[in-house]
């Protein structure tokens, strides 16, 4: 449940009506694409998306890199989830922990879909993470 809390802290918390993606006519992919396009405004302009999930691949919905070189993993679910989904994110985290700059460059290259930009992709990843 989500609550609205007044800034002055004097009023009681008030529940906010929520809805599901289905109620709003969105798919999980629609939300994923929206997040990808609006990540800087929603989370931080410090994040650069380096990968987005591909069909039939065991990978997180979005993988982003911040300027400190930390990876952010986004795994979205359309409905309430079970503990199995937590294990899925832990597996993604374990895989991400072993990624090198070359691996990130390859992911970024696949995400951008332009085989001719390998050097530029690697430079973008290195420039962003310092």
Protein backbone atom coordinates (compact mmCIF):
# COMPACT_ATOMS: atom_id res chain seq x y z
CA UNK A 1 0.00 0.00 0.00
CA UNK A 2 1.23 3.51 -0.80
CA UNK A 3 0.47 6.48 1.41
CA UNK A 4 0.55 10.23 0.92
CA UNK A 5 2.31 11.94 3.79
CA UNK A 6 1.95 15.66 4.28
CA UNK A 7 5.21 17.59 4.29
CA UNK A 8 4.47 19.19 7.67
CA UNK A 9 3.83 15.75 9.20
CA UNK A 10 0.72 16.90 11.03
CA UNK A 11 -1.96 15.08 9.03
CA UNK A 12 -2.45 11.34 9.17
CA UNK A 13 -1.09 9.32 6.25
CA UNK A 14 -3.68 8.91 3.52
CA UNK A 15 -3.80 5.77 1.33
CA UNK A 16 -3.39 6.43 -2.37
CA UNK A 17 -5.48 4.45 -4.83
CA UNK A 18 -3.24 2.22 -6.90
CA UNK A 19 -3.81 0.28 -10.09
CA UNK A 20 -2.05 -2.42 -12.07
CA UNK A 21 -0.29 -2.19 -15.40
CA UNK A 22 -3.15 -4.16 -16.91
CA UNK A 23 -5.68 -1.68 -15.50
CA UNK A 24 -3.72 1.10 -17.20
CA UNK A 25 -3.46 -0.80 -20.49
CA UNK A 26 0.32 -1.28 -20.23
CA UNK A 27 2.41 -4.39 -20.71
CA UNK A 28 5.58 -5.15 -18.78
CA UNK A 29 7.57 -4.33 -21.97
CA UNK A 30 5.80 -0.97 -22.23
CA UNK A 31 6.88 -0.14 -18.67
CA UNK A 32 10.41 -1.37 -19.41
CA UNK A 33 10.65 0.89 -22.48
CA UNK A 34 9.22 3.83 -20.54
CA UNK A 35 11.74 3.34 -17.75
CA UNK A 36 14.58 3.04 -20.27
CA UNK A 37 13.61 6.32 -21.91
CA UNK A 38 13.01 8.18 -18.64
CA UNK A 39 15.61 6.67 -16.32
CA UNK A 40 17.53 9.94 -15.85
CA UNK A 41 14.40 11.85 -14.83
CA UNK A 42 12.95 9.07 -12.66
CA UNK A 43 16.07 7.81 -10.86
CA UNK A 44 19.19 9.85 -11.64
CA UNK A 45 20.79 11.53 -14.62
CA UNK A 46 23.91 9.69 -13.48
CA UNK A 47 22.65 6.44 -15.03
CA UNK A 48 23.37 5.18 -18.52
CA UNK A 49 21.43 2.18 -19.81
CA UNK A 50 23.93 -0.36 -21.14
CA UNK A 51 21.58 -3.27 -21.81
CA UNK A 52 17.91 -4.08 -22.24
CA UNK A 53 16.44 -7.56 -22.12
CA UNK A 54 16.19 -9.50 -25.34
CA UNK A 55 13.61 -12.19 -26.07
CA UNK A 56 14.44 -15.63 -24.66
CA UNK A 57 17.61 -14.43 -22.91
CA UNK A 58 18.15 -14.93 -19.16
CA UNK A 59 18.95 -11.29 -18.41
CA UNK A 60 17.58 -8.37 -16.42
CA UNK A 61 15.04 -6.07 -18.02
CA UNK A 62 17.46 -3.15 -17.81
CA UNK A 63 21.09 -2.85 -16.79
CA UNK A 64 22.45 0.63 -16.14
CA UNK A 65 25.84 1.97 -15.16
CA UNK A 66 26.44 4.98 -12.92
CA UNK A 67 29.47 7.28 -12.98
CA UNK A 68 31.06 5.42 -10.07
CA UNK A 69 31.04 2.21 -12.11
CA UNK A 70 28.22 0.61 -10.12
CA UNK A 71 25.71 -1.47 -12.04
CA UNK A 72 21.99 -1.04 -11.44
CA UNK A 73 19.73 -3.99 -12.21
CA UNK A 74 16.07 -3.44 -13.02
CA UNK A 75 13.78 -6.47 -13.14
CA UNK A 76 10.15 -5.50 -13.60
CA UNK A 77 7.08 -7.59 -12.90
CA UNK A 78 3.57 -6.92 -14.10
CA UNK A 79 1.92 -8.59 -11.12
CA UNK A 80 2.70 -9.38 -7.50
CA UNK A 81 5.60 -11.79 -7.40
CA UNK A 82 6.92 -14.70 -5.44
CA UNK A 83 10.25 -15.44 -3.81
CA UNK A 84 11.31 -17.13 -7.06
CA UNK A 85 11.62 -13.69 -8.59
CA UNK A 86 13.99 -12.65 -5.82
CA UNK A 87 16.20 -15.60 -6.74
CA UNK A 88 16.06 -14.46 -10.35
CA UNK A 89 17.41 -11.02 -9.38
CA UNK A 90 20.11 -12.61 -7.21
CA UNK A 91 21.24 -14.67 -10.22
CA UNK A 92 21.33 -11.53 -12.36
CA UNK A 93 23.39 -9.81 -9.65
CA UNK A 94 25.86 -12.68 -9.52
CA UNK A 95 26.27 -12.56 -13.29
CA UNK A 96 26.66 -8.78 -13.30
CA UNK A 97 29.32 -8.90 -10.59
CA UNK A 98 31.61 -10.74 -13.01
CA UNK A 99 31.21 -8.34 -15.95
CA UNK A 100 34.36 -6.65 -17.23
CA UNK A 101 34.53 -3.38 -19.15
CA UNK A 102 34.78 -5.47 -22.33
CA UNK A 103 31.65 -7.41 -21.33
CA UNK A 104 29.78 -4.16 -20.65
CA UNK A 105 30.96 -2.80 -23.98
CA UNK A 106 29.64 -5.91 -25.72
CA UNK A 107 26.29 -5.58 -23.94
CA UNK A 108 26.12 -1.90 -24.86
CA UNK A 109 26.99 -2.74 -28.46
CA UNK A 110 24.20 -5.34 -28.60
CA UNK A 111 21.81 -2.85 -26.98
CA UNK A 112 22.67 -0.13 -29.49
CA UNK A 113 22.48 -2.62 -32.35
CA UNK A 114 25.27 -1.07 -34.40
CA UNK A 115 28.20 -3.38 -35.07
CA UNK A 116 30.31 -0.51 -36.43
CA UNK A 117 30.39 1.33 -33.11
CA UNK A 118 32.46 -1.11 -31.02
CA UNK A 119 35.18 1.45 -30.18
CA UNK A 120 32.58 4.15 -29.54
CA UNK A 121 30.56 1.80 -27.29
CA UNK A 122 33.62 0.89 -25.25
CA UNK A 123 34.60 4.56 -24.98
CA UNK A 124 31.06 5.49 -23.87
CA UNK A 125 31.11 2.87 -21.10
CA UNK A 126 34.61 3.87 -19.94
CA UNK A 127 33.80 7.60 -20.14
CA UNK A 128 30.59 7.20 -18.18
CA UNK A 129 32.12 5.11 -15.39
CA UNK A 130 35.34 7.08 -15.29
